[in-house]
Amino acid sequence: MHKPFVLLALIGVLCGCASSSIHYSGVITANDDPRSRDVPTRKVALKDHVVIVTHFAWAEAERTGGLHAVRWNWYEGETLIAERAKTLDFGRTPSRFSRSLPASDLGIGHYRVEVMVDGTRVDEQSFDVVAY
């Protein structure tokens, strides 16, 4: 009678362990062409796009990553100026996802972006939008 409950609890623990094994790293780039290399930068020209690229991987190559709620919080100083959210299928490891905004929408200044996955901050990048 208690076996189904124990099995469900064990599945919950295993799922929690699997999701915590995902490792993230991020970069700011000015090119949002998914076929191009991610060239890290901290200065983005006003005429370009600010692209937040998050790379992720996990050890269990045979396991798919599943669906995750991803959110990008864009800040100028401590002021939240833009929010974007999307549910993404992480597919197979290694992989990446990205989000971009035209630098002209932000204007010249210093900014940062938080990347949240399922409510947990996995990356934070700072950058400057410059005139050239």
C-alpha atoms as a PDB file:
ATOM      1  CA  MET A   1       0.000   0.000   0.000  1.00  0.00           C
ATOM      2  CA  HIS A   2       2.895   2.355   0.689  1.00  0.00           C
ATOM      3  CA  LYS A   3       4.882   1.233  -2.360  1.00  0.00           C
ATOM      4  CA  PRO A   4       3.281   3.718  -4.818  1.00  0.00           C
ATOM      5  CA  PHE A   5       3.984   6.605  -2.426  1.00  0.00           C
ATOM      6  CA  VAL A   6       7.615   5.507  -1.957  1.00  0.00           C
ATOM      7  CA  LEU A   7       8.028   5.151  -5.723  1.00  0.00           C
ATOM      8  CA  LEU A   8       6.608   8.647  -6.334  1.00  0.00           C
ATOM      9  CA  ALA A   9       8.869  10.133  -3.663  1.00  0.00           C
ATOM     10  CA  LEU A  10      11.896   8.393  -5.186  1.00  0.00           C
ATOM     11  CA  ILE A  11      10.997   9.667  -8.669  1.00  0.00           C
ATOM     12  CA  GLY A  12      10.694  13.209  -7.245  1.00  0.00           C
ATOM     13  CA  VAL A  13      14.118  12.970  -5.635  1.00  0.00           C
ATOM     14  CA  LEU A  14      15.706  11.607  -8.835  1.00  0.00           C
ATOM     15  CA  CYS A  15      14.121  14.329 -10.969  1.00  0.00           C
ATOM     16  CA  GLY A  16      15.389  16.974  -8.563  1.00  0.00           C
ATOM     17  CA  CYS A  17      18.912  15.549  -8.777  1.00  0.00           C
ATOM     18  CA  ALA A  18      18.830  15.389 -12.565  1.00  0.00           C
ATOM     19  CA  SER A  19      17.695  18.986 -12.975  1.00  0.00           C
ATOM     20  CA  SER A  20      20.384  20.268 -10.614  1.00  0.00           C
ATOM     21  CA  SER A  21      23.067  18.658 -12.793  1.00  0.00           C
ATOM     22  CA  ILE A  22      22.529  21.177 -15.593  1.00  0.00           C
ATOM     23  CA  HIS A  23      25.490  23.569 -15.841  1.00  0.00           C
ATOM     24  CA  TYR A  24      25.161  27.018 -17.412  1.00  0.00           C
ATOM     25  CA  SER A  25      27.520  29.642 -18.774  1.00  0.00           C
ATOM     26  CA  GLY A  26      26.678  32.865 -20.546  1.00  0.00           C
ATOM     27  CA  VAL A  27      28.045  35.463 -22.896  1.00  0.00           C
ATOM     28  CA  ILE A  28      27.035  38.812 -24.376  1.00  0.00           C
ATOM     29  CA  THR A  29      27.470  39.136 -28.123  1.00  0.00           C
ATOM     30  CA  ALA A  30      26.305  41.591 -30.772  1.00  0.00           C
ATOM     31  CA  ASN A  31      25.346  39.057 -33.443  1.00  0.00           C
ATOM     32  CA  ASP A  32      22.073  37.163 -33.185  1.00  0.00           C
ATOM     33  CA  ASP A  33      22.687  34.867 -36.181  1.00  0.00           C
ATOM     34  CA  PRO A  34      22.439  31.358 -34.623  1.00  0.00           C
ATOM     35  CA  ARG A  35      24.910  30.005 -37.222  1.00  0.00           C
ATOM     36  CA  SER A  36      27.680  32.390 -36.131  1.00  0.00           C
ATOM     37  CA  ARG A  37      30.234  31.966 -33.362  1.00  0.00           C
ATOM     38  CA  ASP A  38      29.492  33.627 -30.057  1.00  0.00           C
ATOM     39  CA  VAL A  39      32.044  36.436 -29.879  1.00  0.00           C
ATOM     40  CA  PRO A  40      32.065  37.742 -26.290  1.00  0.00           C
ATOM     41  CA  THR A  41      31.853  41.481 -25.813  1.00  0.00           C
ATOM     42  CA  ARG A  42      31.046  43.959 -23.063  1.00  0.00           C
ATOM     43  CA  LYS A  43      30.374  46.845 -25.492  1.00  0.00           C
ATOM     44  CA  VAL A  44      27.576  46.747 -28.036  1.00  0.00           C
ATOM     45  CA  ALA A  45      27.148  49.442 -30.668  1.00  0.00           C
ATOM     46  CA  LEU A  46      23.850  51.314 -30.700  1.00  0.00           C
ATOM     47  CA  LYS A  47      23.188  49.982 -34.228  1.00  0.00           C
ATOM     48  CA  ASP A  48      23.552  46.298 -33.184  1.00  0.00           C
ATOM     49  CA  HIS A  49      21.522  43.835 -31.128  1.00  0.00           C
ATOM     50  CA  VAL A  50      22.448  42.883 -27.579  1.00  0.00           C
ATOM     51  CA  VAL A  51      22.325  39.087 -27.511  1.00  0.00           C
ATOM     52  CA  ILE A  52      22.399  37.126 -24.263  1.00  0.00           C
ATOM     53  CA  VAL A  53      23.581  33.600 -25.083  1.00  0.00           C
ATOM     54  CA  THR A  54      23.350  30.876 -22.452  1.00  0.00           C
ATOM     55  CA  HIS A  55      25.147  27.591 -23.014  1.00  0.00           C
ATOM     56  CA  PHE A  56      24.078  24.595 -20.975  1.00  0.00           C
ATOM     57  CA  ALA A  57      25.023  20.957 -20.591  1.00  0.00           C
ATOM     58  CA  TRP A  58      24.521  17.998 -18.297  1.00  0.00           C
ATOM     59  CA  ALA A  59      26.390  14.740 -17.817  1.00  0.00           C
ATOM     60  CA  GLU A  60      23.598  12.325 -18.775  1.00  0.00           C
ATOM     61  CA  ALA A  61      23.927  12.555 -22.590  1.00  0.00           C
ATOM     62  CA  GLU A  62      21.099  10.081 -23.222  1.00  0.00           C
ATOM     63  CA  ARG A  63      18.628  12.199 -21.218  1.00  0.00           C
ATOM     64  CA  THR A  64      16.700  15.076 -22.784  1.00  0.00           C
ATOM     65  CA  GLY A  65      16.549  18.337 -20.866  1.00  0.00           C
ATOM     66  CA  GLY A  66      12.788  18.769 -21.028  1.00  0.00           C
ATOM     67  CA  LEU A  67      10.688  21.933 -20.887  1.00  0.00           C
ATOM     68  CA  HIS A  68      11.828  24.864 -18.739  1.00  0.00           C
ATOM     69  CA  ALA A  69      10.470  28.355 -18.045  1.00  0.00           C
ATOM     70  CA  VAL A  70      13.175  30.840 -19.059  1.00  0.00           C
ATOM     71  CA  ARG A  71      13.045  34.527 -18.169  1.00  0.00           C
ATOM     72  CA  TRP A  72      15.350  37.410 -19.041  1.00  0.00           C
ATOM     73  CA  ASN A  73      15.275  40.457 -16.718  1.00  0.00           C
ATOM     74  CA  TRP A  74      16.968  43.534 -18.245  1.00  0.00           C
ATOM     75  CA  TYR A  75      18.180  46.232 -15.807  1.00  0.00           C
ATOM     76  CA  GLU A  76      19.590  49.722 -16.003  1.00  0.00           C
ATOM     77  CA  GLY A  77      21.187  50.181 -12.592  1.00  0.00           C
ATOM     78  CA  GLU A  78      18.684  48.636 -10.183  1.00  0.00           C
ATOM     79  CA  THR A  79      15.672  49.513 -12.352  1.00  0.00           C
ATOM     80  CA  LEU A  80      13.987  46.671 -14.232  1.00  0.00           C
ATOM     81  CA  ILE A  81      13.435  48.026 -17.759  1.00  0.00           C
ATOM     82  CA  ALA A  82      12.413  44.939 -19.744  1.00  0.00           C
ATOM     83  CA  GLU A  83      11.265  41.373 -19.138  1.00  0.00           C
ATOM     84  CA  ARG A  84      11.016  38.562 -21.618  1.00  0.00           C
ATOM     85  CA  ALA A  85       9.867  34.999 -20.915  1.00  0.00           C
ATOM     86  CA  LYS A  86       9.530  31.813 -22.896  1.00  0.00           C
ATOM     87  CA  THR A  87       9.116  28.083 -22.280  1.00  0.00           C
ATOM     88  CA  LEU A  88      11.973  26.252 -23.988  1.00  0.00           C
ATOM     89  CA  ASP A  89      12.643  22.577 -24.673  1.00  0.00           C
ATOM     90  CA  PHE A  90      16.262  21.952 -23.675  1.00  0.00           C
ATOM     91  CA  GLY A  91      16.530  18.930 -25.994  1.00  0.00           C
ATOM     92  CA  ARG A  92      19.919  17.221 -25.959  1.00  0.00           C
ATOM     93  CA  THR A  93      23.181  18.219 -24.303  1.00  0.00           C
ATOM     94  CA  PRO A  94      25.146  20.398 -25.000  1.00  0.00           C
ATOM     95  CA  SER A  95      22.955  23.194 -26.265  1.00  0.00           C
ATOM     96  CA  ARG A  96      22.215  26.885 -25.968  1.00  0.00           C
ATOM     97  CA  PHE A  97      19.434  29.430 -25.954  1.00  0.00           C
ATOM     98  CA  SER A  98      19.502  33.163 -26.494  1.00  0.00           C
ATOM     99  CA  ARG A  99      17.465  36.343 -26.320  1.00  0.00           C
ATOM    100  CA  SER A 100      18.169  39.673 -27.960  1.00  0.00           C
ATOM    101  CA  LEU A 101      17.047  43.276 -27.913  1.00  0.00           C
ATOM    102  CA  PRO A 102      18.041  46.065 -30.289  1.00  0.00           C
ATOM    103  CA  ALA A 103      20.655  48.172 -28.510  1.00  0.00           C
ATOM    104  CA  SER A 104      18.803  51.244 -29.803  1.00  0.00           C
ATOM    105  CA  ASP A 105      15.790  50.209 -27.661  1.00  0.00           C
ATOM    106  CA  LEU A 106      18.028  50.483 -24.591  1.00  0.00           C
ATOM    107  CA  GLY A 107      20.038  53.595 -25.467  1.00  0.00           C
ATOM    108  CA  ILE A 108      23.586  54.487 -24.534  1.00  0.00           C
ATOM    109  CA  GLY A 109      24.411  53.355 -20.989  1.00  0.00           C
ATOM    110  CA  HIS A 110      25.359  50.502 -18.672  1.00  0.00           C
ATOM    111  CA  TYR A 111      23.020  47.486 -18.336  1.00  0.00           C
ATOM    112  CA  ARG A 112      22.795  43.983 -16.951  1.00  0.00           C
ATOM    113  CA  VAL A 113      20.641  40.973 -17.696  1.00  0.00           C
ATOM    114  CA  GLU A 114      19.610  38.172 -15.346  1.00  0.00           C
ATOM    115  CA  VAL A 115      18.777  34.824 -16.916  1.00  0.00           C
ATOM    116  CA  MET A 116      16.340  32.774 -14.862  1.00  0.00           C
ATOM    117  CA  VAL A 117      15.469  29.111 -15.481  1.00  0.00           C
ATOM    118  CA  ASP A 118      12.513  27.735 -13.546  1.00  0.00           C
ATOM    119  CA  GLY A 119      12.807  30.654 -11.127  1.00  0.00           C
ATOM    120  CA  THR A 120      16.528  30.191 -10.411  1.00  0.00           C
ATOM    121  CA  ARG A 121      19.137  32.680 -11.620  1.00  0.00           C
ATOM    122  CA  VAL A 122      21.611  30.773 -13.810  1.00  0.00           C
ATOM    123  CA  ASP A 123      23.469  33.686 -15.382  1.00  0.00           C
ATOM    124  CA  GLU A 124      23.984  37.430 -15.093  1.00  0.00           C
ATOM    125  CA  GLN A 125      25.815  39.536 -17.672  1.00  0.00           C
ATOM    126  CA  SER A 126      26.722  43.241 -17.676  1.00  0.00           C
ATOM    127  CA  PHE A 127      27.415  45.331 -20.768  1.00  0.00           C
ATOM    128  CA  ASP A 128      27.546  48.858 -22.155  1.00  0.00           C
ATOM    129  CA  VAL A 129      25.689  50.224 -25.154  1.00  0.00           C
ATOM    130  CA  VAL A 130      28.011  52.654 -26.926  1.00  0.00           C
ATOM    131  CA  ALA A 131      27.625  55.099 -29.816  1.00  0.00           C
ATOM    132  CA  TYR A 132      30.020  53.552 -32.373  1.00  0.00           C
END
